[in-house]
Each structure stands twice: as C-alpha cells, then as structure tokens.
Amino acid sequence: MVRTIIILTMFGFLSSDASPLEVGADAPELTVTNSAGESVELSEVYAQGPALVYFYPKADTPGCTAQACNLRDSFEKLGEAGIQVIGASTDNVKSQAAFKEKYSLPFTLVADPDGELVDAFGVPKKLASLASRQSFLIVDGKIAWRDLKATPKTQSEDALAALQSSQ
C-alpha cells in the first residue's frame, strides 16, 4: 500500500526556499515565451524603459484575475508613466493565451512552465510549481522596487508610486 503524505505550511502550501532578487540587483535577461508563443528578449524590454514584471500563481483564478484586471484598467496610466507590464506564471502558452483573451489584457503574459523566469527572479514556489505573487519594477536593467506580497487590487497604484519614488 502506498501512502501520500502532504505537509502544509501555516499558509497551506509547500514552499521553495527561493530568495527574491534584492533592490539594486541586475534584472534577469532571459529569452521568454509570450502568450502567442513568440520569443521575448527581456533585455530589449528593459532597454525601452521601466518594466513591471509581476508573478502570479495561476491564470484565471480569483486573485490572479483581480491583479491582471487592476493592471488592465490602469494600463493607460501605467503607459503614460512609461511602465511596460509583463505578467508571468508557470502556466503554459495555451492557458496564458486564454487568460489574456478572456480578460482583454493589453500587456504581455509570459508562459514559464519550467519555472526558469520564476527561479531567475528568486520567486518562491507554492505546491512545488506555482509562483508566489510578487512584483518587481525594473529601471535601467536593475531592480528598483520589489513587492514580495503584491496586493492584487492595488498593483498598478503600488507600481506607479514605486516608480515615482525611484526617480
């Protein structure tokens, strides 16, 4: 007889021991895949101006949807401030594409099923594969701000305030 034992932390999830990148660290310059299956060079994104790279556990779940819709609803304001938005989760391309279409998300979603980008930013994982909800503002290729407990309904306001205080 085989038994499966699940150990839960006080938050109800197994977690990895990742350590998120510190403010001032170089932002990872990986090639990632967007929701259309196209390659995106993060170094090229960073060269265009400030970028908010936010991580979320799973597409089309309540908190992740609230966060994405907050950014969608403030997308024009973020753009006026020069902030590019990149959402990332360990979902596959098909799931990211469906999420982007369902909620009319005007920004880039990255499919990171192998967790390469999640690991590069040091984002802890829940249940061994789902990214924790964290956000990083990159300015001039460096981490200018990080939110290790990103709040879905205020993500855009938090990013705008962080950009303003970093200038």
N, C-alpha and C. Protein backbone atom coordinates (compact mmCIF):
# COMPACT_ATOMS: atom_id res chain seq x y z
N MET A 1 0.83 -1.17 0.00
CA MET A 1 0.00 0.00 0.00
C MET A 1 0.88 1.24 0.00
N VAL A 2 0.58 2.21 -0.88
CA VAL A 2 1.35 3.44 -0.98
C VAL A 2 0.56 4.55 -0.31
N ARG A 3 1.24 5.29 0.54
CA ARG A 3 0.61 6.43 1.20
C ARG A 3 1.24 7.71 0.69
N THR A 4 0.42 8.70 0.50
CA THR A 4 0.92 10.02 0.14
C THR A 4 0.72 10.92 1.33
N ILE A 5 1.78 11.58 1.71
CA ILE A 5 1.71 12.49 2.84
C ILE A 5 1.93 13.90 2.32
N ILE A 6 1.03 14.78 2.66
CA ILE A 6 1.15 16.17 2.26
C ILE A 6 1.44 16.99 3.51
N ILE A 7 2.50 17.74 3.47
CA ILE A 7 2.86 18.60 4.58
C ILE A 7 2.51 20.02 4.18
N LEU A 8 1.72 20.70 5.00
CA LEU A 8 1.31 22.06 4.70
C LEU A 8 1.98 23.03 5.65
N THR A 9 2.39 24.17 5.13
CA THR A 9 2.91 25.21 5.99
C THR A 9 1.73 25.93 6.60
N MET A 10 1.98 26.93 7.42
CA MET A 10 0.87 27.66 8.03
C MET A 10 0.02 28.37 6.99
N PHE A 11 0.52 28.55 5.77
CA PHE A 11 -0.25 29.19 4.71
C PHE A 11 -0.94 28.16 3.82
N GLY A 12 -0.74 26.89 4.09
CA GLY A 12 -1.42 25.86 3.33
C GLY A 12 -0.72 25.41 2.07
N PHE A 13 0.53 25.77 1.91
CA PHE A 13 1.23 25.40 0.70
C PHE A 13 2.62 24.91 1.02
N LEU A 14 3.12 24.00 0.21
CA LEU A 14 4.54 23.67 0.26
C LEU A 14 5.26 24.83 -0.41
N SER A 15 6.38 25.23 0.09
CA SER A 15 7.10 26.37 -0.48
C SER A 15 8.54 26.00 -0.78
N SER A 16 9.11 26.67 -1.76
CA SER A 16 10.53 26.51 -2.02
C SER A 16 11.27 27.54 -1.18
N ASP A 17 12.56 27.40 -1.10
CA ASP A 17 13.36 28.31 -0.29
C ASP A 17 14.00 29.40 -1.14
N ALA A 18 13.38 29.80 -2.22
CA ALA A 18 13.94 30.82 -3.10
C ALA A 18 14.08 32.13 -2.34
N SER A 19 15.05 32.92 -2.77
CA SER A 19 15.27 34.23 -2.19
C SER A 19 15.13 35.26 -3.30
N PRO A 20 14.07 36.09 -3.24
CA PRO A 20 13.83 37.07 -4.29
C PRO A 20 15.01 38.04 -4.48
N LEU A 21 15.20 38.49 -5.70
CA LEU A 21 16.25 39.45 -6.01
C LEU A 21 16.08 40.70 -5.16
N GLU A 22 17.18 41.25 -4.75
CA GLU A 22 17.20 42.46 -3.93
C GLU A 22 17.12 43.70 -4.81
N VAL A 23 16.64 44.80 -4.23
CA VAL A 23 16.67 46.09 -4.91
C VAL A 23 18.13 46.41 -5.23
N GLY A 24 18.38 46.84 -6.46
CA GLY A 24 19.73 47.15 -6.91
C GLY A 24 20.37 46.03 -7.72
N ALA A 25 19.81 44.81 -7.63
CA ALA A 25 20.36 43.68 -8.39
C ALA A 25 20.04 43.84 -9.88
N ASP A 26 20.87 43.24 -10.71
CA ASP A 26 20.59 43.20 -12.15
C ASP A 26 19.35 42.36 -12.38
N ALA A 27 18.47 42.84 -13.25
CA ALA A 27 17.28 42.07 -13.61
C ALA A 27 17.68 40.96 -14.58
N PRO A 28 17.10 39.78 -14.44
CA PRO A 28 17.41 38.68 -15.35
C PRO A 28 17.11 39.04 -16.81
N GLU A 29 18.03 38.68 -17.69
CA GLU A 29 17.89 38.99 -19.12
C GLU A 29 17.70 37.71 -19.92
N LEU A 30 16.62 37.04 -19.64
CA LEU A 30 16.32 35.78 -20.32
C LEU A 30 15.51 36.02 -21.59
N THR A 31 15.45 35.00 -22.42
CA THR A 31 14.50 34.98 -23.53
C THR A 31 13.33 34.15 -23.03
N VAL A 32 12.13 34.75 -23.06
CA VAL A 32 10.93 34.09 -22.55
C VAL A 32 9.92 33.94 -23.68
N THR A 33 8.88 33.18 -23.42
CA THR A 33 7.84 32.94 -24.42
C THR A 33 6.55 33.60 -23.98
N ASN A 34 5.97 34.41 -24.87
CA ASN A 34 4.73 35.09 -24.51
C ASN A 34 3.52 34.22 -24.84
N SER A 35 2.34 34.76 -24.58
CA SER A 35 1.09 34.01 -24.74
C SER A 35 0.78 33.66 -26.20
N ALA A 36 1.48 34.29 -27.13
CA ALA A 36 1.30 33.97 -28.55
C ALA A 36 2.34 32.96 -29.02
N GLY A 37 3.18 32.50 -28.09
CA GLY A 37 4.22 31.53 -28.44
C GLY A 37 5.46 32.17 -29.04
N GLU A 38 5.57 33.49 -28.96
CA GLU A 38 6.70 34.22 -29.53
C GLU A 38 7.77 34.45 -28.47
N SER A 39 9.01 34.53 -28.93
CA SER A 39 10.12 34.82 -28.02
C SER A 39 10.18 36.31 -27.71
N VAL A 40 10.47 36.61 -26.45
CA VAL A 40 10.62 37.99 -25.99
C VAL A 40 11.96 38.07 -25.27
N GLU A 41 12.79 39.00 -25.72
CA GLU A 41 14.10 39.24 -25.07
C GLU A 41 13.89 40.27 -23.96
N LEU A 42 14.03 39.84 -22.73
CA LEU A 42 13.80 40.78 -21.63
C LEU A 42 14.77 41.95 -21.65
N SER A 43 15.99 41.74 -22.10
CA SER A 43 16.95 42.85 -22.19
C SER A 43 16.42 43.95 -23.11
N GLU A 44 15.73 43.56 -24.18
CA GLU A 44 15.15 44.55 -25.10
C GLU A 44 13.98 45.28 -24.44
N VAL A 45 13.20 44.57 -23.65
CA VAL A 45 12.10 45.21 -22.92
C VAL A 45 12.66 46.25 -21.96
N TYR A 46 13.66 45.87 -21.18
CA TYR A 46 14.25 46.78 -20.18
C TYR A 46 14.86 48.01 -20.87
N ALA A 47 15.41 47.84 -22.06
CA ALA A 47 16.03 48.95 -22.78
C ALA A 47 15.01 50.00 -23.21
N GLN A 48 13.73 49.61 -23.28
CA GLN A 48 12.67 50.53 -23.70
C GLN A 48 12.14 51.40 -22.57
N GLY A 49 12.54 51.13 -21.33
CA GLY A 49 12.09 51.93 -20.20
C GLY A 49 11.69 51.05 -19.04
N PRO A 50 11.10 51.66 -18.00
CA PRO A 50 10.71 50.88 -16.81
C PRO A 50 9.78 49.72 -17.17
N ALA A 51 9.96 48.62 -16.46
CA ALA A 51 9.12 47.44 -16.69
C ALA A 51 8.68 46.88 -15.34
N LEU A 52 7.40 46.56 -15.25
CA LEU A 52 6.87 45.86 -14.09
C LEU A 52 6.74 44.41 -14.48
N VAL A 53 7.53 43.55 -13.83
CA VAL A 53 7.41 42.11 -14.05
C VAL A 53 6.72 41.57 -12.81
N TYR A 54 5.51 41.07 -13.02
CA TYR A 54 4.77 40.56 -11.88
C TYR A 54 4.49 39.08 -12.06
N PHE A 55 4.59 38.36 -10.95
CA PHE A 55 4.39 36.92 -10.94
C PHE A 55 3.10 36.60 -10.22
N TYR A 56 2.38 35.64 -10.75
CA TYR A 56 1.11 35.21 -10.13
C TYR A 56 1.03 33.70 -10.20
N PRO A 57 0.28 33.10 -9.27
CA PRO A 57 0.25 31.63 -9.20
C PRO A 57 -0.38 30.92 -10.40
N LYS A 58 -1.58 31.34 -10.81
CA LYS A 58 -2.29 30.57 -11.84
C LYS A 58 -3.29 31.46 -12.57
N ALA A 59 -3.24 31.41 -13.89
CA ALA A 59 -4.15 32.18 -14.72
C ALA A 59 -5.60 31.82 -14.43
N ASP A 60 -6.44 32.83 -14.48
CA ASP A 60 -7.90 32.69 -14.39
C ASP A 60 -8.37 32.15 -13.03
N THR A 61 -7.64 32.51 -11.98
CA THR A 61 -8.08 32.24 -10.62
C THR A 61 -8.44 33.59 -10.01
N PRO A 62 -9.21 33.64 -8.94
CA PRO A 62 -9.73 34.92 -8.44
C PRO A 62 -8.68 36.01 -8.16
N GLY A 63 -7.66 35.70 -7.37
CA GLY A 63 -6.65 36.72 -7.05
C GLY A 63 -5.85 37.14 -8.26
N CYS A 64 -5.51 36.18 -9.09
CA CYS A 64 -4.71 36.46 -10.29
C CYS A 64 -5.52 37.29 -11.29
N THR A 65 -6.79 37.00 -11.38
CA THR A 65 -7.66 37.77 -12.27
C THR A 65 -7.82 39.19 -11.75
N ALA A 66 -7.99 39.36 -10.44
CA ALA A 66 -8.11 40.70 -9.85
C ALA A 66 -6.85 41.51 -10.13
N GLN A 67 -5.70 40.88 -9.98
CA GLN A 67 -4.43 41.57 -10.22
C GLN A 67 -4.29 41.97 -11.69
N ALA A 68 -4.56 41.05 -12.58
CA ALA A 68 -4.46 41.34 -14.01
C ALA A 68 -5.44 42.42 -14.44
N CYS A 69 -6.66 42.37 -13.92
CA CYS A 69 -7.67 43.37 -14.29
C CYS A 69 -7.34 44.73 -13.70
N ASN A 70 -6.72 44.78 -12.52
CA ASN A 70 -6.27 46.05 -11.96
C ASN A 70 -5.24 46.68 -12.89
N LEU A 71 -4.30 45.88 -13.37
CA LEU A 71 -3.29 46.39 -14.29
C LEU A 71 -3.90 46.76 -15.64
N ARG A 72 -4.84 45.96 -16.11
CA ARG A 72 -5.53 46.27 -17.37
C ARG A 72 -6.27 47.60 -17.26
N ASP A 73 -7.00 47.79 -16.17
CA ASP A 73 -7.80 49.00 -16.01
C ASP A 73 -6.94 50.26 -15.85
N SER A 74 -5.70 50.10 -15.42
CA SER A 74 -4.78 51.23 -15.26
C SER A 74 -3.69 51.23 -16.33
N PHE A 75 -3.86 50.44 -17.36
CA PHE A 75 -2.82 50.27 -18.37
C PHE A 75 -2.44 51.60 -19.03
N GLU A 76 -3.41 52.43 -19.32
CA GLU A 76 -3.12 53.72 -19.95
C GLU A 76 -2.29 54.59 -19.01
N LYS A 77 -2.66 54.63 -17.75
CA LYS A 77 -1.93 55.42 -16.76
C LYS A 77 -0.50 54.89 -16.58
N LEU A 78 -0.37 53.57 -16.56
CA LEU A 78 0.96 52.96 -16.46
C LEU A 78 1.81 53.32 -17.68
N GLY A 79 1.19 53.27 -18.85
CA GLY A 79 1.88 53.60 -20.10
C GLY A 79 2.33 55.06 -20.13
N GLU A 80 1.47 55.95 -19.62
CA GLU A 80 1.83 57.36 -19.56
C GLU A 80 3.05 57.58 -18.67
N ALA A 81 3.20 56.75 -17.67
CA ALA A 81 4.36 56.82 -16.78
C ALA A 81 5.57 56.10 -17.38
N GLY A 82 5.37 55.43 -18.51
CA GLY A 82 6.45 54.72 -19.19
C GLY A 82 6.63 53.28 -18.76
N ILE A 83 5.72 52.77 -17.92
CA ILE A 83 5.86 51.40 -17.40
C ILE A 83 5.28 50.38 -18.38
N GLN A 84 6.12 49.42 -18.76
CA GLN A 84 5.68 48.27 -19.53
C GLN A 84 5.31 47.19 -18.53
N VAL A 85 4.31 46.39 -18.84
CA VAL A 85 3.84 45.37 -17.91
C VAL A 85 4.06 43.98 -18.50
N ILE A 86 4.64 43.10 -17.69
CA ILE A 86 4.82 41.70 -18.08
C ILE A 86 4.33 40.84 -16.93
N GLY A 87 3.30 40.04 -17.20
CA GLY A 87 2.80 39.10 -16.21
C GLY A 87 3.38 37.73 -16.48
N ALA A 88 3.75 37.02 -15.42
CA ALA A 88 4.37 35.71 -15.60
C ALA A 88 3.83 34.71 -14.59
N SER A 89 3.59 33.51 -15.07
CA SER A 89 3.22 32.40 -14.20
C SER A 89 3.77 31.12 -14.82
N THR A 90 3.63 30.04 -14.10
CA THR A 90 4.12 28.76 -14.62
C THR A 90 3.10 28.07 -15.52
N ASP A 91 2.05 28.80 -15.88
CA ASP A 91 1.08 28.26 -16.84
C ASP A 91 1.73 28.09 -18.21
N ASN A 92 1.11 27.27 -19.05
CA ASN A 92 1.61 27.08 -20.41
C ASN A 92 1.08 28.18 -21.34
N VAL A 93 1.58 28.18 -22.57
CA VAL A 93 1.20 29.20 -23.55
C VAL A 93 -0.31 29.21 -23.78
N LYS A 94 -0.91 28.05 -23.92
CA LYS A 94 -2.35 27.97 -24.18
C LYS A 94 -3.16 28.61 -23.04
N SER A 95 -2.80 28.33 -21.80
CA SER A 95 -3.51 28.91 -20.66
C SER A 95 -3.32 30.42 -20.60
N GLN A 96 -2.10 30.87 -20.88
CA GLN A 96 -1.83 32.31 -20.86
C GLN A 96 -2.62 33.01 -21.98
N ALA A 97 -2.68 32.40 -23.14
CA ALA A 97 -3.42 33.00 -24.26
C ALA A 97 -4.90 33.10 -23.94
N ALA A 98 -5.47 32.06 -23.35
CA ALA A 98 -6.88 32.06 -22.99
C ALA A 98 -7.17 33.12 -21.93
N PHE A 99 -6.29 33.26 -20.94
CA PHE A 99 -6.43 34.26 -19.88
C PHE A 99 -6.37 35.66 -20.47
N LYS A 100 -5.41 35.90 -21.34
CA LYS A 100 -5.24 37.21 -21.98
C LYS A 100 -6.48 37.59 -22.79
N GLU A 101 -6.98 36.63 -23.55
CA GLU A 101 -8.16 36.89 -24.38
C GLU A 101 -9.42 37.09 -23.54
N LYS A 102 -9.65 36.22 -22.57
CA LYS A 102 -10.87 36.28 -21.76
C LYS A 102 -11.03 37.62 -21.06
N TYR A 103 -9.93 38.19 -20.58
CA TYR A 103 -10.00 39.44 -19.82
C TYR A 103 -9.46 40.65 -20.59
N SER A 104 -9.23 40.50 -21.89
CA SER A 104 -8.74 41.59 -22.74
C SER A 104 -7.53 42.27 -22.12
N LEU A 105 -6.55 41.50 -21.79
CA LEU A 105 -5.34 42.04 -21.15
C LEU A 105 -4.43 42.63 -22.23
N PRO A 106 -4.11 43.93 -22.13
CA PRO A 106 -3.34 44.60 -23.18
C PRO A 106 -1.82 44.48 -23.03
N PHE A 107 -1.36 43.73 -22.06
CA PHE A 107 0.07 43.62 -21.81
C PHE A 107 0.55 42.20 -22.04
N THR A 108 1.85 42.03 -22.01
CA THR A 108 2.49 40.75 -22.27
C THR A 108 2.30 39.78 -21.11
N LEU A 109 1.89 38.56 -21.43
CA LEU A 109 1.88 37.47 -20.46
C LEU A 109 2.93 36.47 -20.89
N VAL A 110 3.70 36.00 -19.93
CA VAL A 110 4.78 35.05 -20.20
C VAL A 110 4.40 33.68 -19.65
N ALA A 111 4.59 32.68 -20.48
CA ALA A 111 4.39 31.29 -20.08
C ALA A 111 5.74 30.77 -19.59
N ASP A 112 5.78 30.31 -18.34
CA ASP A 112 7.03 29.84 -17.74
C ASP A 112 6.82 28.48 -17.08
N PRO A 113 6.37 27.48 -17.87
CA PRO A 113 6.03 26.18 -17.28
C PRO A 113 7.21 25.47 -16.60
N ASP A 114 8.43 25.76 -17.03
CA ASP A 114 9.60 25.15 -16.41
C ASP A 114 10.11 25.96 -15.22
N GLY A 115 9.53 27.14 -15.01
CA GLY A 115 9.92 27.97 -13.87
C GLY A 115 11.26 28.66 -14.01
N GLU A 116 11.78 28.76 -15.21
CA GLU A 116 13.10 29.38 -15.41
C GLU A 116 13.10 30.86 -15.00
N LEU A 117 12.08 31.60 -15.43
CA LEU A 117 12.00 33.01 -15.08
C LEU A 117 11.69 33.18 -13.59
N VAL A 118 10.78 32.37 -13.08
CA VAL A 118 10.45 32.38 -11.66
C VAL A 118 11.72 32.19 -10.83
N ASP A 119 12.51 31.19 -11.20
CA ASP A 119 13.75 30.90 -10.48
C ASP A 119 14.77 32.03 -10.63
N ALA A 120 14.86 32.62 -11.82
CA ALA A 120 15.84 33.69 -12.07
C ALA A 120 15.56 34.91 -11.18
N PHE A 121 14.29 35.19 -10.92
CA PHE A 121 13.92 36.30 -10.04
C PHE A 121 13.93 35.88 -8.57
N GLY A 122 14.08 34.58 -8.30
CA GLY A 122 14.10 34.09 -6.93
C GLY A 122 12.73 34.07 -6.29
N VAL A 123 11.70 33.97 -7.10
CA VAL A 123 10.33 33.95 -6.58
C VAL A 123 10.05 32.57 -5.99
N PRO A 124 9.62 32.52 -4.73
CA PRO A 124 9.29 31.21 -4.13
C PRO A 124 8.13 30.56 -4.87
N LYS A 125 8.11 29.24 -4.81
CA LYS A 125 7.03 28.48 -5.45
C LYS A 125 6.16 27.82 -4.38
N LYS A 126 4.87 27.79 -4.67
CA LYS A 126 3.91 27.09 -3.82
C LYS A 126 3.61 25.75 -4.48
N LEU A 127 3.28 24.77 -3.69
CA LEU A 127 2.96 23.44 -4.22
C LEU A 127 3.99 22.96 -5.22
N ALA A 128 5.23 23.37 -5.00
CA ALA A 128 6.39 22.96 -5.79
C ALA A 128 6.44 23.52 -7.20
N SER A 129 5.37 24.17 -7.71
CA SER A 129 5.46 24.68 -9.07
C SER A 129 4.77 26.02 -9.32
N LEU A 130 3.88 26.46 -8.45
CA LEU A 130 3.17 27.72 -8.67
C LEU A 130 3.95 28.89 -8.10
N ALA A 131 4.13 29.93 -8.91
CA ALA A 131 4.86 31.12 -8.45
C ALA A 131 4.08 31.84 -7.36
N SER A 132 4.80 32.38 -6.40
CA SER A 132 4.18 33.25 -5.40
C SER A 132 3.84 34.58 -6.06
N ARG A 133 2.93 35.32 -5.46
CA ARG A 133 2.53 36.62 -6.00
C ARG A 133 3.56 37.67 -5.57
N GLN A 134 4.45 38.02 -6.48
CA GLN A 134 5.47 39.03 -6.23
C GLN A 134 5.64 39.89 -7.47
N SER A 135 6.10 41.12 -7.25
CA SER A 135 6.29 42.06 -8.36
C SER A 135 7.63 42.76 -8.24
N PHE A 136 8.19 43.07 -9.41
CA PHE A 136 9.48 43.74 -9.48
C PHE A 136 9.40 44.86 -10.51
N LEU A 137 9.85 46.04 -10.12
CA LEU A 137 9.94 47.17 -11.04
C LEU A 137 11.39 47.27 -11.47
N ILE A 138 11.62 47.22 -12.76
CA ILE A 138 12.96 47.27 -13.31
C ILE A 138 13.14 48.62 -13.99
N VAL A 139 14.19 49.32 -13.60
CA VAL A 139 14.55 50.60 -14.20
C VAL A 139 16.02 50.53 -14.56
N ASP A 140 16.32 50.82 -15.81
CA ASP A 140 17.70 50.76 -16.31
C ASP A 140 18.35 49.40 -16.06
N GLY A 141 17.58 48.33 -16.20
CA GLY A 141 18.10 46.98 -16.08
C GLY A 141 18.34 46.51 -14.65
N LYS A 142 17.94 47.31 -13.67
CA LYS A 142 18.14 46.96 -12.26
C LYS A 142 16.79 46.89 -11.54
N ILE A 143 16.74 46.09 -10.49
CA ILE A 143 15.54 46.03 -9.67
C ILE A 143 15.48 47.33 -8.87
N ALA A 144 14.45 48.15 -9.14
CA ALA A 144 14.30 49.43 -8.46
C ALA A 144 13.34 49.31 -7.27
N TRP A 145 12.50 48.29 -7.30
CA TRP A 145 11.48 48.09 -6.26
C TRP A 145 11.00 46.66 -6.37
N ARG A 146 10.64 46.11 -5.24
CA ARG A 146 10.05 44.78 -5.25
C ARG A 146 8.92 44.75 -4.23
N ASP A 147 7.90 44.00 -4.56
CA ASP A 147 6.74 43.83 -3.68
C ASP A 147 6.60 42.33 -3.46
N LEU A 148 7.02 41.88 -2.30
CA LEU A 148 7.07 40.45 -2.03
C LEU A 148 5.73 39.89 -1.57
N LYS A 149 4.76 40.75 -1.38
CA LYS A 149 3.40 40.31 -1.04
C LYS A 149 2.43 41.19 -1.83
N ALA A 150 2.56 41.15 -3.13
CA ALA A 150 1.79 42.02 -4.01
C ALA A 150 0.30 41.92 -3.74
N THR A 151 -0.35 43.06 -3.70
CA THR A 151 -1.78 43.13 -3.45
C THR A 151 -2.50 43.24 -4.79
N PRO A 152 -3.31 42.26 -5.15
CA PRO A 152 -3.94 42.25 -6.48
C PRO A 152 -4.73 43.51 -6.83
N LYS A 153 -5.48 44.05 -5.91
CA LYS A 153 -6.37 45.17 -6.25
C LYS A 153 -5.68 46.53 -6.24
N THR A 154 -4.41 46.59 -5.80
CA THR A 154 -3.69 47.87 -5.80
C THR A 154 -2.36 47.77 -6.55
N GLN A 155 -2.17 46.73 -7.34
CA GLN A 155 -0.88 46.51 -8.01
C GLN A 155 -0.45 47.70 -8.85
N SER A 156 -1.36 48.28 -9.64
CA SER A 156 -0.96 49.39 -10.51
C SER A 156 -0.59 50.62 -9.70
N GLU A 157 -1.36 50.94 -8.67
CA GLU A 157 -1.06 52.10 -7.84
C GLU A 157 0.27 51.92 -7.13
N ASP A 158 0.52 50.71 -6.64
CA ASP A 158 1.78 50.42 -5.96
C ASP A 158 2.97 50.59 -6.91
N ALA A 159 2.83 50.12 -8.13
CA ALA A 159 3.92 50.24 -9.12
C ALA A 159 4.16 51.70 -9.50
N LEU A 160 3.08 52.46 -9.68
CA LEU A 160 3.23 53.87 -10.02
C LEU A 160 3.91 54.64 -8.90
N ALA A 161 3.52 54.37 -7.66
CA ALA A 161 4.15 55.02 -6.51
C ALA A 161 5.63 54.65 -6.41
N ALA A 162 5.94 53.38 -6.69
CA ALA A 162 7.32 52.93 -6.63
C ALA A 162 8.16 53.63 -7.70
N LEU A 163 7.62 53.78 -8.89
CA LEU A 163 8.36 54.46 -9.95
C LEU A 163 8.60 55.91 -9.57
N GLN A 164 7.59 56.56 -9.05
CA GLN A 164 7.71 57.95 -8.66
C GLN A 164 8.78 58.13 -7.58
N SER A 165 8.80 57.24 -6.61
CA SER A 165 9.79 57.36 -5.53
C SER A 165 11.20 56.98 -5.97
N SER A 166 11.32 56.24 -7.07
CA SER A 166 12.65 55.84 -7.55
C SER A 166 13.30 56.90 -8.43
N GLN A 167 12.54 57.90 -8.80
CA GLN A 167 13.08 58.94 -9.70
C GLN A 167 13.62 60.13 -8.96
